[in-house]
Amino acid sequence: MTSFKNEPTWALLGDLFRAHPWHGIQIGDLAPEVIQVYIEMLPTDTVKYELDKQTGLLRVDRPQRFSSVCPELYGMVPQTYCGERVAEYCRRKTGRDGIQGDGDPLDICVLTEKHITHANIFMRARPVGGLRMLDGNEADDKIIAILDGDPSYGYWQDISQCPSMVIERLRHYFLTYKQAPDSERTVCEITHVYGHEEALEVIRRSREDYLERYGDLAELLRSIQEQR
């Protein structure tokens, strides 16, 4: 008979319920070099899908207000959180005070030659770089990765190997997806395009922020009950 005394809470719940994409899926034993990624959006999506943090279900956050659509697979890294460690790294790299973490899982774009037909899926990806983005005064990094084992992009080690047009498309999307055509106020800013090593450091910090905030799933479930 199997003993459950030493089993992690998330593993036991996985036997009973659908795993929560943010809290119930491990980031991966090879992290941060190879990580699990949850895909929320495809390049063909004309509405903004987003993981509902409480239920773990994918929901419609909003229709895309303008013609811009995300040019690559877009989602988040499980068991990460953009808190003080991520914010401190952003403050150091930008030389700006007052930057805070956005309080969300770490965002990620995954490049692949394959045609993925639907979201709400997991995949393994290898980070090659990222965009250091500020949304107001909040650090909102966008990690850029490739699908692990991708036939065309699988040999990439760093964002410097990525065609500049691909990076420009991503930059254009994130700089404009919240901005009205006649608005003079810039909502989002990208201060740097960074490479492989900085991407790994952001992932490490977001993982540490997650563990500090949530600990294990048992502590998370207790905190949710207390908030209700």
Protein backbone atom coordinates (compact mmCIF):
# COMPACT_ATOMS: atom_id res chain seq x y z
CA MET A 1 0.00 0.00 0.00
CA THR A 2 1.35 3.43 -0.98
CA SER A 3 2.19 5.82 1.85
CA PHE A 4 1.18 9.45 1.25
CA LYS A 5 2.85 10.96 4.32
CA ASN A 6 5.88 12.26 2.44
CA GLU A 7 4.15 13.16 -0.81
CA PRO A 8 4.06 16.89 -1.72
CA THR A 9 0.56 18.33 -1.45
CA TRP A 10 0.53 19.36 -5.10
CA ALA A 11 1.25 15.77 -6.15
CA LEU A 12 -1.58 14.37 -4.04
CA LEU A 13 -4.06 16.89 -5.44
CA GLY A 14 -2.91 16.02 -8.94
CA ASP A 15 -4.29 12.52 -8.39
CA LEU A 16 -7.73 13.97 -7.63
CA PHE A 17 -8.08 17.16 -9.67
CA ARG A 18 -6.79 18.88 -12.77
CA ALA A 19 -3.49 20.52 -11.86
CA HIS A 20 -3.51 24.29 -11.50
CA PRO A 21 -1.26 25.58 -14.35
CA TRP A 22 0.45 28.14 -12.13
CA HIS A 23 0.79 26.31 -8.82
CA GLY A 24 0.29 22.63 -9.62
CA ILE A 25 2.87 22.12 -12.36
CA GLN A 26 6.59 21.91 -11.62
CA ILE A 27 8.88 24.30 -13.47
CA GLY A 28 11.15 21.37 -14.36
CA ASP A 29 14.24 19.60 -13.01
CA LEU A 30 16.49 21.32 -15.58
CA ALA A 31 15.28 24.84 -14.80
CA PRO A 32 16.21 27.51 -15.60
CA GLU A 33 17.98 26.15 -18.69
CA VAL A 34 14.94 24.08 -19.74
CA ILE A 35 11.54 24.98 -18.29
CA GLN A 36 7.91 24.04 -18.45
CA VAL A 37 5.76 26.70 -20.11
CA TYR A 38 1.99 27.12 -20.08
CA ILE A 39 0.68 28.60 -23.35
CA GLU A 40 -2.25 31.03 -23.05
CA MET A 41 -2.31 32.63 -26.51
CA LEU A 42 -1.56 31.89 -30.16
CA PRO A 43 -0.56 34.33 -32.92
CA THR A 44 -4.06 33.91 -34.44
CA ASP A 45 -5.97 34.96 -31.31
CA THR A 46 -8.00 38.16 -31.59
CA VAL A 47 -8.92 38.17 -27.89
CA LYS A 48 -6.57 38.30 -24.92
CA TYR A 49 -6.70 34.98 -23.09
CA GLU A 50 -5.28 34.83 -19.59
CA LEU A 51 -5.01 32.27 -16.84
CA ASP A 52 -7.54 32.87 -14.07
CA LYS A 53 -5.38 32.77 -10.96
CA GLN A 54 -8.08 31.47 -8.62
CA THR A 55 -9.57 28.66 -10.71
CA GLY A 56 -6.64 27.74 -12.95
CA LEU A 57 -8.90 27.94 -16.00
CA LEU A 58 -8.18 29.93 -19.14
CA ARG A 59 -10.50 32.90 -19.50
CA VAL A 60 -11.10 35.77 -21.91
CA ASP A 61 -9.42 38.77 -20.34
CA ARG A 62 -10.49 41.23 -23.05
CA PRO A 63 -10.99 41.46 -26.81
CA GLN A 64 -7.94 42.85 -28.55
CA ARG A 65 -8.91 46.50 -28.99
CA PHE A 66 -6.64 47.16 -31.94
CA SER A 67 -5.26 45.31 -34.97
CA SER A 68 -2.04 44.12 -33.28
CA VAL A 69 -1.86 40.41 -32.41
CA CYS A 70 0.87 38.61 -30.51
CA PRO A 71 3.34 37.30 -33.12
CA GLU A 72 4.46 34.21 -31.17
CA LEU A 73 3.15 31.68 -28.66
CA TYR A 74 2.61 33.52 -25.38
CA GLY A 75 2.12 32.30 -21.85
CA MET A 76 3.68 32.03 -18.42
CA VAL A 77 6.22 30.01 -16.45
CA PRO A 78 4.65 27.87 -13.68
CA GLN A 79 5.66 28.46 -10.06
CA THR A 80 7.23 31.84 -10.74
CA TYR A 81 6.25 35.24 -9.35
CA CYS A 82 7.48 38.72 -10.20
CA GLY A 83 8.13 40.18 -6.77
CA GLU A 84 10.90 42.08 -5.00
CA ARG A 85 13.84 40.08 -6.37
CA VAL A 86 12.72 40.57 -9.96
CA ALA A 87 12.04 44.24 -9.26
CA GLU A 88 15.46 44.76 -7.63
CA TYR A 89 17.19 43.26 -10.68
CA CYS A 90 15.20 45.57 -12.95
CA ARG A 91 16.07 48.60 -10.80
CA ARG A 92 19.75 47.68 -10.93
CA LYS A 93 19.80 47.14 -14.70
CA THR A 94 17.83 50.29 -15.52
CA GLY A 95 19.25 52.56 -12.81
CA ARG A 96 15.72 53.60 -11.83
CA ASP A 97 14.17 53.76 -8.39
CA GLY A 98 10.59 52.91 -7.46
CA ILE A 99 10.17 49.89 -9.74
CA GLN A 100 8.05 47.07 -8.27
CA GLY A 101 7.23 43.56 -9.43
CA ASP A 102 3.89 43.21 -11.19
CA GLY A 103 2.71 40.39 -8.91
CA ASP A 104 2.09 37.95 -11.77
CA PRO A 105 3.76 34.78 -13.03
CA LEU A 106 6.71 35.39 -15.33
CA ASP A 107 5.59 35.96 -18.95
CA ILE A 108 7.21 34.09 -21.82
CA CYS A 109 7.12 33.94 -25.64
CA VAL A 110 8.05 30.66 -27.32
CA LEU A 111 9.40 30.52 -30.88
CA THR A 112 8.86 27.44 -33.03
CA GLU A 113 8.54 26.53 -36.68
CA LYS A 114 5.64 24.22 -35.83
CA HIS A 115 2.02 25.27 -36.26
CA ILE A 116 0.42 24.98 -32.82
CA THR A 117 -3.36 24.89 -33.24
CA HIS A 118 -4.64 25.62 -29.74
CA ALA A 119 -3.56 27.08 -26.41
CA ASN A 120 -4.14 25.81 -22.85
CA ILE A 121 -1.20 23.43 -23.26
CA PHE A 122 2.20 22.81 -21.70
CA MET A 123 5.52 22.53 -23.49
CA ARG A 124 9.22 22.43 -22.69
CA ALA A 125 11.19 25.47 -23.77
CA ARG A 126 14.75 26.79 -23.58
CA PRO A 127 15.17 30.49 -22.75
CA VAL A 128 17.50 32.45 -25.04
CA GLY A 129 16.84 36.03 -23.88
CA GLY A 130 14.15 38.50 -22.95
CA LEU A 131 12.65 41.97 -23.09
CA ARG A 132 13.05 44.16 -20.02
CA MET A 133 9.62 45.79 -20.05
CA LEU A 134 8.12 48.34 -17.71
CA ASP A 135 4.36 48.66 -17.42
CA GLY A 136 4.08 51.93 -15.55
CA ASN A 137 6.39 51.45 -12.57
CA GLU A 138 6.13 47.65 -12.62
CA ALA A 139 8.72 45.17 -13.90
CA ASP A 140 7.00 43.04 -16.55
CA ASP A 141 9.77 41.00 -18.17
CA LYS A 142 8.99 38.96 -21.27
CA ILE A 143 11.27 35.94 -21.52
CA ILE A 144 11.96 34.75 -25.08
CA ALA A 145 12.47 31.02 -25.52
CA ILE A 146 12.49 28.34 -28.19
CA LEU A 147 10.52 25.10 -28.22
CA ASP A 148 12.84 22.42 -26.90
CA GLY A 149 13.97 20.25 -29.79
CA ASP A 150 12.54 22.55 -32.48
CA PRO A 151 13.94 21.49 -35.90
CA SER A 152 14.68 25.05 -37.05
CA TYR A 153 15.39 26.99 -33.85
CA GLY A 154 16.59 24.18 -31.60
CA TYR A 155 20.28 25.01 -32.01
CA TRP A 156 19.89 28.61 -30.79
CA GLN A 157 21.70 29.39 -27.54
CA ASP A 158 21.21 33.15 -27.31
CA ILE A 159 18.87 35.83 -28.57
CA SER A 160 21.70 37.16 -30.75
CA GLN A 161 20.97 34.23 -33.08
CA CYS A 162 17.35 35.35 -33.51
CA PRO A 163 16.55 37.40 -36.64
CA SER A 164 16.16 41.07 -35.76
CA MET A 165 12.73 41.25 -37.43
CA VAL A 166 11.35 38.64 -35.00
CA ILE A 167 12.53 40.73 -32.05
CA GLU A 168 11.12 43.90 -33.60
CA ARG A 169 7.70 42.28 -34.03
CA LEU A 170 7.67 41.28 -30.37
CA ARG A 171 8.81 44.74 -29.28
CA HIS A 172 6.15 46.41 -31.42
CA TYR A 173 3.39 44.21 -30.02
CA PHE A 174 4.24 44.77 -26.37
CA LEU A 175 4.81 48.48 -26.84
CA THR A 176 1.46 49.04 -28.55
CA TYR A 177 -1.01 46.39 -27.35
CA LYS A 178 -2.36 48.64 -24.57
CA GLN A 179 -2.07 51.96 -26.37
CA ALA A 180 -4.85 53.73 -28.27
CA PRO A 181 -3.89 55.08 -31.71
CA ASP A 182 -4.38 58.72 -30.69
CA SER A 183 -2.82 58.41 -27.24
CA GLU A 184 0.23 60.54 -26.52
CA ARG A 185 1.00 58.71 -23.28
CA THR A 186 3.20 55.64 -23.51
CA VAL A 187 1.86 52.85 -21.30
CA CYS A 188 4.69 50.32 -21.71
CA GLU A 189 8.42 50.75 -22.22
CA ILE A 190 11.12 48.28 -23.21
CA THR A 191 14.46 49.41 -21.83
CA HIS A 192 16.64 46.48 -22.94
CA VAL A 193 16.72 43.37 -25.07
CA TYR A 194 18.87 40.98 -23.05
CA GLY A 195 20.52 37.64 -23.67
CA HIS A 196 20.58 34.12 -22.34
CA GLU A 197 22.37 34.67 -19.02
CA GLU A 198 20.14 37.56 -17.94
CA ALA A 199 17.05 35.54 -18.87
CA LEU A 200 18.21 32.71 -16.61
CA GLU A 201 18.78 35.18 -13.77
CA VAL A 202 15.27 36.64 -14.13
CA ILE A 203 13.82 33.11 -14.01
CA ARG A 204 15.86 32.23 -10.91
CA ARG A 205 14.71 35.38 -9.14
CA SER A 206 11.07 34.85 -10.10
CA ARG A 207 11.31 31.33 -8.72
CA GLU A 208 12.73 32.62 -5.43
CA ASP A 209 10.00 35.27 -5.27
CA TYR A 210 7.40 32.53 -5.77
CA LEU A 211 8.78 30.33 -3.02
CA GLU A 212 8.93 33.23 -0.61
CA ARG A 213 5.36 34.30 -1.31
CA TYR A 214 3.62 30.96 -1.65
CA GLY A 215 5.86 28.26 -0.20
CA ASP A 216 4.19 24.92 -0.84
CA LEU A 217 0.63 24.41 -2.06
CA ALA A 218 -0.69 23.63 1.39
CA GLU A 219 0.24 27.14 2.53
CA LEU A 220 -1.32 28.57 -0.64
CA LEU A 221 -4.62 26.82 -0.05
CA ARG A 222 -4.74 28.10 3.51
CA SER A 223 -4.12 31.68 2.35
CA ILE A 224 -6.92 31.43 -0.23
CA GLN A 225 -9.33 30.22 2.42
CA GLU A 226 -8.34 33.11 4.68
CA GLN A 227 -9.02 35.64 1.90
CA ARG A 228 -12.56 34.39 1.29
